[in-house]
PDB file of N, CA and C in Angstrom:
ATOM      1  N   MET A   1       5.186   3.649 -16.899  1.00  0.00           N
ATOM      2  CA  MET A   1       4.567   2.751 -17.296  1.00  0.00           C
ATOM      3  C   MET A   1       3.457   2.104 -15.447  1.00  0.00           C
ATOM      4  N   ASN A   2       4.412   2.383 -14.561  1.00  0.00           N
ATOM      5  CA  ASN A   2       4.099   1.902 -12.778  1.00  0.00           C
ATOM      6  C   ASN A   2       3.057   3.244 -12.577  1.00  0.00           C
ATOM      7  N   GLU A   3       2.826   4.190 -13.387  1.00  0.00           N
ATOM      8  CA  GLU A   3       2.402   5.328 -12.706  1.00  0.00           C
ATOM      9  C   GLU A   3       0.876   5.495 -13.477  1.00  0.00           C
ATOM     10  N   ARG A   4       1.086   4.402 -14.635  1.00  0.00           N
ATOM     11  CA  ARG A   4      -0.838   4.171 -15.010  1.00  0.00           C
ATOM     12  C   ARG A   4      -0.484   2.576 -15.021  1.00  0.00           C
ATOM     13  N   SER A   5      -0.408   2.463 -13.370  1.00  0.00           N
ATOM     14  CA  SER A   5      -0.455   0.896 -13.082  1.00  0.00           C
ATOM     15  C   SER A   5      -2.938   0.760 -13.173  1.00  0.00           C
ATOM     16  N   VAL A   6      -3.307   0.417 -13.099  1.00  0.00           N
ATOM     17  CA  VAL A   6      -4.495  -0.331 -12.480  1.00  0.00           C
ATOM     18  C   VAL A   6      -4.951   0.248 -10.858  1.00  0.00           C
ATOM     19  N   VAL A   7      -5.596   0.843 -10.380  1.00  0.00           N
ATOM     20  CA  VAL A   7      -5.941   0.841  -8.689  1.00  0.00           C
ATOM     21  C   VAL A   7      -7.133   0.624  -9.116  1.00  0.00           C
ATOM     22  N   LEU A   8      -7.581   0.402  -8.366  1.00  0.00           N
ATOM     23  CA  LEU A   8      -9.052  -1.035  -7.229  1.00  0.00           C
ATOM     24  C   LEU A   8      -8.966   0.206  -5.877  1.00  0.00           C
ATOM     25  N   LEU A   9     -10.477   0.302  -5.088  1.00  0.00           N
ATOM     26  CA  LEU A   9     -10.571   0.231  -4.265  1.00  0.00           C
ATOM     27  C   LEU A   9     -12.372  -1.035  -4.187  1.00  0.00           C
ATOM     28  N   LEU A  10     -12.060  -1.389  -3.763  1.00  0.00           N
ATOM     29  CA  LEU A  10     -12.933  -2.111  -2.918  1.00  0.00           C
ATOM     30  C   LEU A  10     -12.890  -2.126  -2.105  1.00  0.00           C
ATOM     31  N   LEU A  11     -15.200  -2.059  -2.492  1.00  0.00           N
ATOM     32  CA  LEU A  11     -16.323  -1.942  -1.280  1.00  0.00           C
ATOM     33  C   LEU A  11     -16.984  -2.961  -0.626  1.00  0.00           C
ATOM     34  N   GLU A  12     -16.973  -3.772   1.067  1.00  0.00           N
ATOM     35  CA  GLU A  12     -17.681  -4.887   0.332  1.00  0.00           C
ATOM     36  C   GLU A  12     -17.681  -4.856   3.005  1.00  0.00           C
ATOM     37  N   ASP A  13     -18.965  -4.702   2.444  1.00  0.00           N
ATOM     38  CA  ASP A  13     -20.040  -4.608   4.240  1.00  0.00           C
ATOM     39  C   ASP A  13     -18.600  -3.582   4.899  1.00  0.00           C
ATOM     40  N   ASN A  14     -19.241  -2.261   4.177  1.00  0.00           N
ATOM     41  CA  ASN A  14     -18.290  -1.477   5.164  1.00  0.00           C
ATOM     42  C   ASN A  14     -16.817  -0.942   5.117  1.00  0.00           C
ATOM     43  N   ARG A  15     -16.104  -2.569   4.565  1.00  0.00           N
ATOM     44  CA  ARG A  15     -14.799  -2.208   3.937  1.00  0.00           C
ATOM     45  C   ARG A  15     -14.450  -1.906   3.629  1.00  0.00           C
ATOM     46  N   LYS A  16     -12.936  -1.606   2.955  1.00  0.00           N
ATOM     47  CA  LYS A  16     -12.075  -0.490   2.408  1.00  0.00           C
ATOM     48  C   LYS A  16     -11.317  -1.322   1.983  1.00  0.00           C
ATOM     49  N   ILE A  17     -11.125  -1.986   0.788  1.00  0.00           N
ATOM     50  CA  ILE A  17      -9.300  -2.416   0.208  1.00  0.00           C
ATOM     51  C   ILE A  17      -9.111  -0.936  -0.515  1.00  0.00           C
ATOM     52  N   LEU A  18      -8.342  -0.583  -0.608  1.00  0.00           N
ATOM     53  CA  LEU A  18      -7.349  -0.452  -1.618  1.00  0.00           C
ATOM     54  C   LEU A  18      -5.975  -0.776  -2.070  1.00  0.00           C
ATOM     55  N   LEU A  19      -6.070  -1.353  -3.777  1.00  0.00           N
ATOM     56  CA  LEU A  19      -5.895  -2.051  -3.810  1.00  0.00           C
ATOM     57  C   LEU A  19      -4.623  -1.432  -4.689  1.00  0.00           C
ATOM     58  N   MET A  20      -3.062  -1.006  -4.549  1.00  0.00           N
ATOM     59  CA  MET A  20      -2.794   0.195  -5.405  1.00  0.00           C
ATOM     60  C   MET A  20      -1.540  -0.333  -7.030  1.00  0.00           C
ATOM     61  N   GLY A  21      -1.613  -2.248  -7.016  1.00  0.00           N
ATOM     62  CA  GLY A  21      -1.090  -2.067  -8.113  1.00  0.00           C
ATOM     63  C   GLY A  21       0.384  -1.663  -7.946  1.00  0.00           C
ATOM     64  N   ASP A  22       1.490  -1.286  -9.791  1.00  0.00           N
ATOM     65  CA  ASP A  22       2.633  -1.179  -9.357  1.00  0.00           C
ATOM     66  C   ASP A  22       2.749   0.866  -9.535  1.00  0.00           C
ATOM     67  N   ALA A  23       1.704   1.589  -9.196  1.00  0.00           N
ATOM     68  CA  ALA A  23       1.816   2.406  -8.513  1.00  0.00           C
ATOM     69  C   ALA A  23       2.668   3.542  -7.969  1.00  0.00           C
ATOM     70  N   GLY A  24       3.022   4.396  -7.236  1.00  0.00           N
ATOM     71  CA  GLY A  24       3.697   5.218  -6.616  1.00  0.00           C
ATOM     72  C   GLY A  24       3.479   6.514  -6.758  1.00  0.00           C
ATOM     73  N   ASP A  25       4.368   7.474  -6.011  1.00  0.00           N
ATOM     74  CA  ASP A  25       4.028   8.851  -5.522  1.00  0.00           C
ATOM     75  C   ASP A  25       3.249   9.750  -6.678  1.00  0.00           C
ATOM     76  N   GLN A  26       3.768   9.219  -7.879  1.00  0.00           N
ATOM     77  CA  GLN A  26       2.590   9.929  -8.516  1.00  0.00           C
ATOM     78  C   GLN A  26       1.102  10.261  -8.645  1.00  0.00           C
ATOM     79  N   THR A  27       0.950   8.407  -8.781  1.00  0.00           N
ATOM     80  CA  THR A  27      -0.403   8.404  -8.572  1.00  0.00           C
ATOM     81  C   THR A  27      -1.062   8.276  -6.704  1.00  0.00           C
ATOM     82  N   GLU A  28      -0.706   8.328  -6.241  1.00  0.00           N
ATOM     83  CA  GLU A  28      -0.458   8.622  -4.554  1.00  0.00           C
ATOM     84  C   GLU A  28      -0.916  10.224  -4.503  1.00  0.00           C
ATOM     85  N   LYS A  29      -0.527  10.752  -4.898  1.00  0.00           N
ATOM     86  CA  LYS A  29      -0.496  12.299  -5.203  1.00  0.00           C
ATOM     87  C   LYS A  29      -2.102  13.085  -6.232  1.00  0.00           C
ATOM     88  N   THR A  30      -1.881  12.303  -8.094  1.00  0.00           N
ATOM     89  CA  THR A  30      -3.012  12.369  -8.405  1.00  0.00           C
ATOM     90  C   THR A  30      -4.386  12.351  -7.695  1.00  0.00           C
ATOM     91  N   LEU A  31      -4.200  10.645  -6.821  1.00  0.00           N
ATOM     92  CA  LEU A  31      -5.313  10.821  -6.170  1.00  0.00           C
ATOM     93  C   LEU A  31      -5.864  11.920  -3.997  1.00  0.00           C
ATOM     94  N   LEU A  32      -4.964  11.972  -4.327  1.00  0.00           N
ATOM     95  CA  LEU A  32      -4.947  12.926  -3.424  1.00  0.00           C
ATOM     96  C   LEU A  32      -5.553  14.606  -3.722  1.00  0.00           C
ATOM     97  N   GLU A  33      -4.598  14.815  -4.596  1.00  0.00           N
ATOM     98  CA  GLU A  33      -5.449  16.288  -5.339  1.00  0.00           C
ATOM     99  C   GLU A  33      -7.266  15.846  -5.562  1.00  0.00           C
ATOM    100  N   LEU A  34      -8.177  14.540  -6.098  1.00  0.00           N
ATOM    101  CA  LEU A  34      -8.505  14.056  -6.131  1.00  0.00           C
ATOM    102  C   LEU A  34      -9.724  14.379  -5.807  1.00  0.00           C
ATOM    103  N   GLY A  35      -9.009  14.136  -3.977  1.00  0.00           N
ATOM    104  CA  GLY A  35     -10.120  14.280  -2.872  1.00  0.00           C
ATOM    105  C   GLY A  35     -10.554  12.958  -3.243  1.00  0.00           C
ATOM    106  N   GLY A  36     -11.802  13.023  -1.973  1.00  0.00           N
ATOM    107  CA  GLY A  36     -12.469  11.756  -1.665  1.00  0.00           C
ATOM    108  C   GLY A  36     -11.556  10.272  -1.799  1.00  0.00           C
ATOM    109  N   LEU A  37     -10.912  10.329  -0.534  1.00  0.00           N
ATOM    110  CA  LEU A  37     -10.283   9.474  -0.077  1.00  0.00           C
ATOM    111  C   LEU A  37     -10.571   9.150   0.258  1.00  0.00           C
ATOM    112  N   PRO A  38     -11.237   7.317   1.079  1.00  0.00           N
ATOM    113  CA  PRO A  38     -11.869   7.401   2.660  1.00  0.00           C
ATOM    114  C   PRO A  38     -10.749   6.404   3.572  1.00  0.00           C
ATOM    115  N   ASP A  39     -10.699   6.141   4.791  1.00  0.00           N
ATOM    116  CA  ASP A  39      -9.689   5.643   5.641  1.00  0.00           C
ATOM    117  C   ASP A  39      -9.999   4.460   5.009  1.00  0.00           C
ATOM    118  N   ILE A  40      -8.748   3.328   4.467  1.00  0.00           N
ATOM    119  CA  ILE A  40      -8.353   2.406   4.664  1.00  0.00           C
ATOM    120  C   ILE A  40      -8.101   1.327   5.381  1.00  0.00           C
ATOM    121  N   ASP A  41      -9.353  -0.061   5.443  1.00  0.00           N
ATOM    122  CA  ASP A  41      -8.732  -0.988   6.166  1.00  0.00           C
ATOM    123  C   ASP A  41      -7.751  -1.901   5.554  1.00  0.00           C
ATOM    124  N   ILE A  42      -7.453  -2.249   4.408  1.00  0.00           N
ATOM    125  CA  ILE A  42      -6.381  -2.193   4.286  1.00  0.00           C
ATOM    126  C   ILE A  42      -5.789  -2.245   2.608  1.00  0.00           C
ATOM    127  N   LEU A  43      -4.809  -2.002   3.489  1.00  0.00           N
ATOM    128  CA  LEU A  43      -3.792  -1.458   1.662  1.00  0.00           C
ATOM    129  C   LEU A  43      -2.295  -2.628   1.112  1.00  0.00           C
ATOM    130  N   LYS A  44      -3.315  -2.846   0.193  1.00  0.00           N
ATOM    131  CA  LYS A  44      -2.108  -3.299  -0.931  1.00  0.00           C
ATOM    132  C   LYS A  44      -1.236  -2.932  -1.236  1.00  0.00           C
ATOM    133  N   VAL A  45       0.311  -2.605  -0.506  1.00  0.00           N
ATOM    134  CA  VAL A  45       0.720  -1.512  -1.076  1.00  0.00           C
ATOM    135  C   VAL A  45       1.312  -1.254  -2.469  1.00  0.00           C
ATOM    136  N   GLY A  46       2.070   0.095  -2.966  1.00  0.00           N
ATOM    137  CA  GLY A  46       2.124  -0.360  -4.800  1.00  0.00           C
ATOM    138  C   GLY A  46       3.648  -0.464  -4.611  1.00  0.00           C
ATOM    139  N   HIS A  47       4.233  -0.306  -5.909  1.00  0.00           N
ATOM    140  CA  HIS A  47       4.582  -0.747  -6.369  1.00  0.00           C
ATOM    141  C   HIS A  47       6.284  -2.114  -5.121  1.00  0.00           C
ATOM    142  N   HIS A  48       5.638  -2.439  -4.521  1.00  0.00           N
ATOM    143  CA  HIS A  48       6.107  -3.940  -3.982  1.00  0.00           C
ATOM    144  C   HIS A  48       6.731  -3.368  -2.547  1.00  0.00           C
ATOM    145  N   GLY A  49       6.258  -2.236  -2.553  1.00  0.00           N
ATOM    146  CA  GLY A  49       6.935  -1.507  -0.462  1.00  0.00           C
ATOM    147  C   GLY A  49       8.049  -0.880  -1.240  1.00  0.00           C
ATOM    148  N   SER A  50       8.323  -0.370  -2.996  1.00  0.00           N
ATOM    149  CA  SER A  50      10.085   0.998  -2.993  1.00  0.00           C
ATOM    150  C   SER A  50       9.345   2.189  -2.274  1.00  0.00           C
ATOM    151  N   LYS A  51      10.045   2.750  -2.846  1.00  0.00           N
ATOM    152  CA  LYS A  51      10.643   4.095  -2.007  1.00  0.00           C
ATOM    153  C   LYS A  51       9.492   5.538  -2.539  1.00  0.00           C
ATOM    154  N   TYR A  52       9.587   4.366  -3.435  1.00  0.00           N
ATOM    155  CA  TYR A  52       8.715   5.626  -4.389  1.00  0.00           C
ATOM    156  C   TYR A  52       7.430   5.122  -4.220  1.00  0.00           C
ATOM    157  N   ALA A  53       6.415   4.324  -3.345  1.00  0.00           N
ATOM    158  CA  ALA A  53       5.640   4.611  -3.696  1.00  0.00           C
ATOM    159  C   ALA A  53       5.394   4.605  -1.477  1.00  0.00           C
ATOM    160  N   SER A  54       3.518   4.722  -1.164  1.00  0.00           N
ATOM    161  CA  SER A  54       3.188   4.044   0.085  1.00  0.00           C
ATOM    162  C   SER A  54       3.825   5.923   0.530  1.00  0.00           C
ATOM    163  N   THR A  55       3.863   6.388   0.095  1.00  0.00           N
ATOM    164  CA  THR A  55       4.178   8.780   0.748  1.00  0.00           C
ATOM    165  C   THR A  55       3.988   8.157   2.281  1.00  0.00           C
ATOM    166  N   LEU A  56       3.991   8.941   2.672  1.00  0.00           N
ATOM    167  CA  LEU A  56       3.336   9.485   4.281  1.00  0.00           C
ATOM    168  C   LEU A  56       2.426  10.564   3.896  1.00  0.00           C
ATOM    169  N   PRO A  57       2.189  11.534   2.967  1.00  0.00           N
ATOM    170  CA  PRO A  57       0.831  12.844   2.870  1.00  0.00           C
ATOM    171  C   PRO A  57      -0.288  11.962   2.602  1.00  0.00           C
ATOM    172  N   PHE A  58      -0.015  10.367   1.580  1.00  0.00           N
ATOM    173  CA  PHE A  58      -0.147   9.572   1.046  1.00  0.00           C
ATOM    174  C   PHE A  58      -1.091   8.781   2.345  1.00  0.00           C
ATOM    175  N   LEU A  59      -0.998   8.412   3.181  1.00  0.00           N
ATOM    176  CA  LEU A  59      -0.641   7.612   4.142  1.00  0.00           C
ATOM    177  C   LEU A  59      -1.341   7.873   5.543  1.00  0.00           C
ATOM    178  N   GLU A  60      -0.842   9.397   5.558  1.00  0.00           N
ATOM    179  CA  GLU A  60      -1.298   9.779   6.212  1.00  0.00           C
ATOM    180  C   GLU A  60      -2.696  10.232   6.485  1.00  0.00           C
ATOM    181  N   ARG A  61      -3.411  10.554   4.690  1.00  0.00           N
ATOM    182  CA  ARG A  61      -5.100  10.600   4.278  1.00  0.00           C
ATOM    183  C   ARG A  61      -5.841   9.088   4.269  1.00  0.00           C
ATOM    184  N   ILE A  62      -4.831   8.688   4.277  1.00  0.00           N
ATOM    185  CA  ILE A  62      -6.051   7.167   4.212  1.00  0.00           C
ATOM    186  C   ILE A  62      -5.671   6.086   5.034  1.00  0.00           C
ATOM    187  N   LYS A  63      -4.880   6.790   6.306  1.00  0.00           N
ATOM    188  CA  LYS A  63      -5.486   5.448   7.389  1.00  0.00           C
ATOM    189  C   LYS A  63      -5.635   3.647   7.368  1.00  0.00           C
ATOM    190  N   PRO A  64      -4.490   3.066   6.850  1.00  0.00           N
ATOM    191  CA  PRO A  64      -4.866   1.247   6.443  1.00  0.00           C
ATOM    192  C   PRO A  64      -4.364   1.520   8.110  1.00  0.00           C
ATOM    193  N   GLU A  65      -5.209   0.180   8.411  1.00  0.00           N
ATOM    194  CA  GLU A  65      -5.288  -0.709   9.200  1.00  0.00           C
ATOM    195  C   GLU A  65      -4.577  -1.301   9.428  1.00  0.00           C
ATOM    196  N   LEU A  66      -3.679  -2.132   7.998  1.00  0.00           N
ATOM    197  CA  LEU A  66      -2.938  -3.693   7.907  1.00  0.00           C
ATOM    198  C   LEU A  66      -2.693  -2.887   6.010  1.00  0.00           C
ATOM    199  N   ALA A  67      -1.089  -3.184   5.981  1.00  0.00           N
ATOM    200  CA  ALA A  67      -1.058  -3.103   4.497  1.00  0.00           C
ATOM    201  C   ALA A  67      -0.087  -4.784   4.416  1.00  0.00           C
ATOM    202  N   ILE A  68      -0.516  -4.664   3.319  1.00  0.00           N
ATOM    203  CA  ILE A  68      -0.373  -5.937   2.589  1.00  0.00           C
ATOM    204  C   ILE A  68       0.965  -5.573   1.653  1.00  0.00           C
ATOM    205  N   ILE A  69       2.483  -5.997   1.779  1.00  0.00           N
ATOM    206  CA  ILE A  69       3.326  -6.065   0.602  1.00  0.00           C
ATOM    207  C   ILE A  69       3.563  -7.524   0.202  1.00  0.00           C
ATOM    208  N   SER A  70       2.900  -7.059  -1.426  1.00  0.00           N
ATOM    209  CA  SER A  70       2.918  -8.609  -1.938  1.00  0.00           C
ATOM    210  C   SER A  70       5.263  -8.285  -2.835  1.00  0.00           C
ATOM    211  N   VAL A  71       5.573  -9.705  -2.724  1.00  0.00           N
ATOM    212  CA  VAL A  71       7.367  -8.903  -2.424  1.00  0.00           C
ATOM    213  C   VAL A  71       7.935 -10.043  -2.833  1.00  0.00           C
ATOM    214  N   GLY A  72       9.200 -10.863  -3.699  1.00  0.00           N
ATOM    215  CA  GLY A  72       9.650 -11.851  -3.137  1.00  0.00           C
ATOM    216  C   GLY A  72      10.825 -12.098  -2.106  1.00  0.00           C
ATOM    217  N   LYS A  73      10.978 -12.757  -1.919  1.00  0.00           N
ATOM    218  CA  LYS A  73      11.915 -13.103  -0.811  1.00  0.00           C
ATOM    219  C   LYS A  73      13.443 -13.104  -1.366  1.00  0.00           C
ATOM    220  N   GLY A  74      14.298 -12.243  -1.016  1.00  0.00           N
ATOM    221  CA  GLY A  74      15.719 -11.660  -1.289  1.00  0.00           C
ATOM    222  C   GLY A  74      15.723 -11.162  -2.887  1.00  0.00           C
ATOM    223  N   ASN A  75      14.627 -10.378  -2.851  1.00  0.00           N
ATOM    224  CA  ASN A  75      14.466  -9.423  -4.428  1.00  0.00           C
ATOM    225  C   ASN A  75      15.771  -8.483  -4.700  1.00  0.00           C
ATOM    226  N   ARG A  76      16.419  -8.209  -5.797  1.00  0.00           N
ATOM    227  CA  ARG A  76      17.480  -7.538  -6.500  1.00  0.00           C
ATOM    228  C   ARG A  76      17.536  -6.763  -6.202  1.00  0.00           C
ATOM    229  N   TYR A  77      16.373  -5.607  -5.748  1.00  0.00           N
ATOM    230  CA  TYR A  77      15.662  -4.398  -5.550  1.00  0.00           C
ATOM    231  C   TYR A  77      16.268  -4.039  -4.223  1.00  0.00           C
ATOM    232  N   GLY A  78      14.890  -5.003  -3.163  1.00  0.00           N
ATOM    233  CA  GLY A  78      16.187  -4.048  -2.113  1.00  0.00           C
ATOM    234  C   GLY A  78      14.295  -4.098  -1.361  1.00  0.00           C
ATOM    235  N   HIS A  79      13.328  -4.644  -2.201  1.00  0.00           N
ATOM    236  CA  HIS A  79      11.931  -3.961  -1.729  1.00  0.00           C
ATOM    237  C   HIS A  79      11.592  -5.366  -0.843  1.00  0.00           C
ATOM    238  N   PRO A  80      10.995  -4.932   0.529  1.00  0.00           N
ATOM    239  CA  PRO A  80      10.064  -3.648   0.421  1.00  0.00           C
ATOM    240  C   PRO A  80      11.145  -2.751   1.650  1.00  0.00           C
ATOM    241  N   THR A  81      11.106  -1.186   1.021  1.00  0.00           N
ATOM    242  CA  THR A  81      12.674  -0.204   1.588  1.00  0.00           C
ATOM    243  C   THR A  81      11.603  -0.192   2.920  1.00  0.00           C
ATOM    244  N   GLN A  82      13.872  -0.018   3.843  1.00  0.00           N
ATOM    245  CA  GLN A  82      13.670   0.605   5.219  1.00  0.00           C
ATOM    246  C   GLN A  82      11.899   1.265   4.687  1.00  0.00           C
ATOM    247  N   GLU A  83      12.580   2.484   4.921  1.00  0.00           N
ATOM    248  CA  GLU A  83      11.991   4.156   4.398  1.00  0.00           C
ATOM    249  C   GLU A  83      10.471   3.704   4.600  1.00  0.00           C
ATOM    250  N   THR A  84      10.043   2.814   3.386  1.00  0.00           N
ATOM    251  CA  THR A  84       8.266   2.887   2.969  1.00  0.00           C
ATOM    252  C   THR A  84       8.377   1.966   4.791  1.00  0.00           C
ATOM    253  N   LEU A  85       8.890   0.883   5.200  1.00  0.00           N
ATOM    254  CA  LEU A  85       8.455   0.021   6.618  1.00  0.00           C
ATOM    255  C   LEU A  85       7.842   1.574   8.111  1.00  0.00           C
ATOM    256  N   GLU A  86       8.511   2.003   7.715  1.00  0.00           N
ATOM    257  CA  GLU A  86       9.093   3.223   8.441  1.00  0.00           C
ATOM    258  C   GLU A  86       7.545   4.293   8.620  1.00  0.00           C
ATOM    259  N   ARG A  87       7.242   3.706   7.065  1.00  0.00           N
ATOM    260  CA  ARG A  87       6.269   5.247   6.988  1.00  0.00           C
ATOM    261  C   ARG A  87       5.217   4.661   7.324  1.00  0.00           C
ATOM    262  N   LEU A  88       4.819   3.193   7.104  1.00  0.00           N
ATOM    263  CA  LEU A  88       3.891   2.112   7.043  1.00  0.00           C
ATOM    264  C   LEU A  88       3.040   2.440   9.284  1.00  0.00           C
ATOM    265  N   GLU A  89       4.618   1.818   9.391  1.00  0.00           N
ATOM    266  CA  GLU A  89       4.864   1.808  10.953  1.00  0.00           C
ATOM    267  C   GLU A  89       4.802   3.171  12.467  1.00  0.00           C
ATOM    268  N   ARG A  90       5.227   4.668  11.144  1.00  0.00           N
ATOM    269  CA  ARG A  90       4.809   5.854  11.961  1.00  0.00           C
ATOM    270  C   ARG A  90       3.279   5.728  11.876  1.00  0.00           C
ATOM    271  N   VAL A  91       2.125   5.653  10.662  1.00  0.00           N
ATOM    272  CA  VAL A  91       1.172   5.740  10.902  1.00  0.00           C
ATOM    273  C   VAL A  91       0.416   4.670  11.918  1.00  0.00           C
ATOM    274  N   GLY A  92       1.442   4.234  12.355  1.00  0.00           N
ATOM    275  CA  GLY A  92       0.726   3.184  13.257  1.00  0.00           C
ATOM    276  C   GLY A  92      -0.209   1.945  11.892  1.00  0.00           C
ATOM    277  N   THR A  93      -0.084   1.107  11.273  1.00  0.00           N
ATOM    278  CA  THR A  93      -0.713  -0.111  10.369  1.00  0.00           C
ATOM    279  C   THR A  93       0.484  -0.938  11.085  1.00  0.00           C
ATOM    280  N   GLU A  94      -0.178  -2.088  10.661  1.00  0.00           N
ATOM    281  CA  GLU A  94       0.386  -3.054  11.091  1.00  0.00           C
ATOM    282  C   GLU A  94       0.884  -4.067   9.513  1.00  0.00           C
ATOM    283  N   ILE A  95       1.211  -4.413   9.531  1.00  0.00           N
ATOM    284  CA  ILE A  95       2.355  -5.005   7.675  1.00  0.00           C
ATOM    285  C   ILE A  95       2.373  -6.635   8.213  1.00  0.00           C
ATOM    286  N   ALA A  96       1.755  -7.266   6.834  1.00  0.00           N
ATOM    287  CA  ALA A  96       2.134  -8.221   6.671  1.00  0.00           C
ATOM    288  C   ALA A  96       2.955  -8.312   4.875  1.00  0.00           C
ATOM    289  N   ARG A  97       3.636  -9.414   5.113  1.00  0.00           N
ATOM    290  CA  ARG A  97       4.599  -9.647   3.317  1.00  0.00           C
ATOM    291  C   ARG A  97       4.995 -10.865   3.133  1.00  0.00           C
ATOM    292  N   THR A  98       4.451 -11.006   2.656  1.00  0.00           N
ATOM    293  CA  THR A  98       4.677 -12.110   0.968  1.00  0.00           C
ATOM    294  C   THR A  98       6.285 -12.634   1.868  1.00  0.00           C
ATOM    295  N   ASP A  99       7.100 -11.765   1.821  1.00  0.00           N
ATOM    296  CA  ASP A  99       8.599 -12.396   1.904  1.00  0.00           C
ATOM    297  C   ASP A  99       8.589 -13.221   3.017  1.00  0.00           C
ATOM    298  N   GLN A 100       8.151 -12.805   3.388  1.00  0.00           N
ATOM    299  CA  GLN A 100       7.980 -13.731   5.099  1.00  0.00           C
ATOM    300  C   GLN A 100       6.979 -14.730   5.441  1.00  0.00           C
ATOM    301  N   GLU A 101       5.529 -14.118   4.999  1.00  0.00           N
ATOM    302  CA  GLU A 101       4.763 -14.670   5.973  1.00  0.00           C
ATOM    303  C   GLU A 101       4.124 -15.970   3.856  1.00  0.00           C
ATOM    304  N   GLY A 102       4.424 -15.618   3.467  1.00  0.00           N
ATOM    305  CA  GLY A 102       3.683 -17.123   1.955  1.00  0.00           C
ATOM    306  C   GLY A 102       2.210 -15.720   1.707  1.00  0.00           C
ATOM    307  N   ILE A 103       2.114 -16.576   1.550  1.00  0.00           N
ATOM    308  CA  ILE A 103       0.507 -16.171   1.150  1.00  0.00           C
ATOM    309  C   ILE A 103      -0.521 -15.677   2.321  1.00  0.00           C
ATOM    310  N   ILE A 104      -0.989 -14.612   2.157  1.00  0.00           N
ATOM    311  CA  ILE A 104      -1.203 -14.268   2.938  1.00  0.00           C
ATOM    312  C   ILE A 104      -3.648 -14.037   2.785  1.00  0.00           C
ATOM    313  N   GLU A 105      -3.549 -14.047   3.254  1.00  0.00           N
ATOM    314  CA  GLU A 105      -5.257 -15.219   3.587  1.00  0.00           C
ATOM    315  C   GLU A 105      -5.720 -13.542   4.576  1.00  0.00           C
ATOM    316  N   VAL A 106      -7.190 -12.518   3.804  1.00  0.00           N
ATOM    317  CA  VAL A 106      -7.537 -11.537   4.595  1.00  0.00           C
ATOM    318  C   VAL A 106      -9.365 -12.625   5.019  1.00  0.00           C
ATOM    319  N   ASN A 107      -9.682 -12.649   5.650  1.00  0.00           N
ATOM    320  CA  ASN A 107     -10.998 -12.511   5.471  1.00  0.00           C
ATOM    321  C   ASN A 107     -11.832 -11.614   6.252  1.00  0.00           C
ATOM    322  N   PHE A 108     -12.987 -10.923   6.079  1.00  0.00           N
ATOM    323  CA  PHE A 108     -13.916 -10.325   6.850  1.00  0.00           C
ATOM    324  C   PHE A 108     -15.563 -10.748   6.751  1.00  0.00           C
TER     325      PHE A 108
END
């Protein structure tokens, strides 16, 4: 069911925000195949930062400046996974997490 999650690309004053919902690697693969993905300013990471989301090919294509991970503190799934955090760091993306920072507000 997560691969049927709503994905939204928001455009505002030349800034781009990609909201991935609970989507994972299969949705990312489809988006890459469709083409036309722009560089992203802010990525709301899919599936709470699970190992099945934010694949390296996807991140290398969209090059997000900031990744926001919505995740509960001490959740039983271990989200976000270390693999996902490492992939985000590898492409030079700043990471903000609700389990560490609480409410995350972005103004632009």
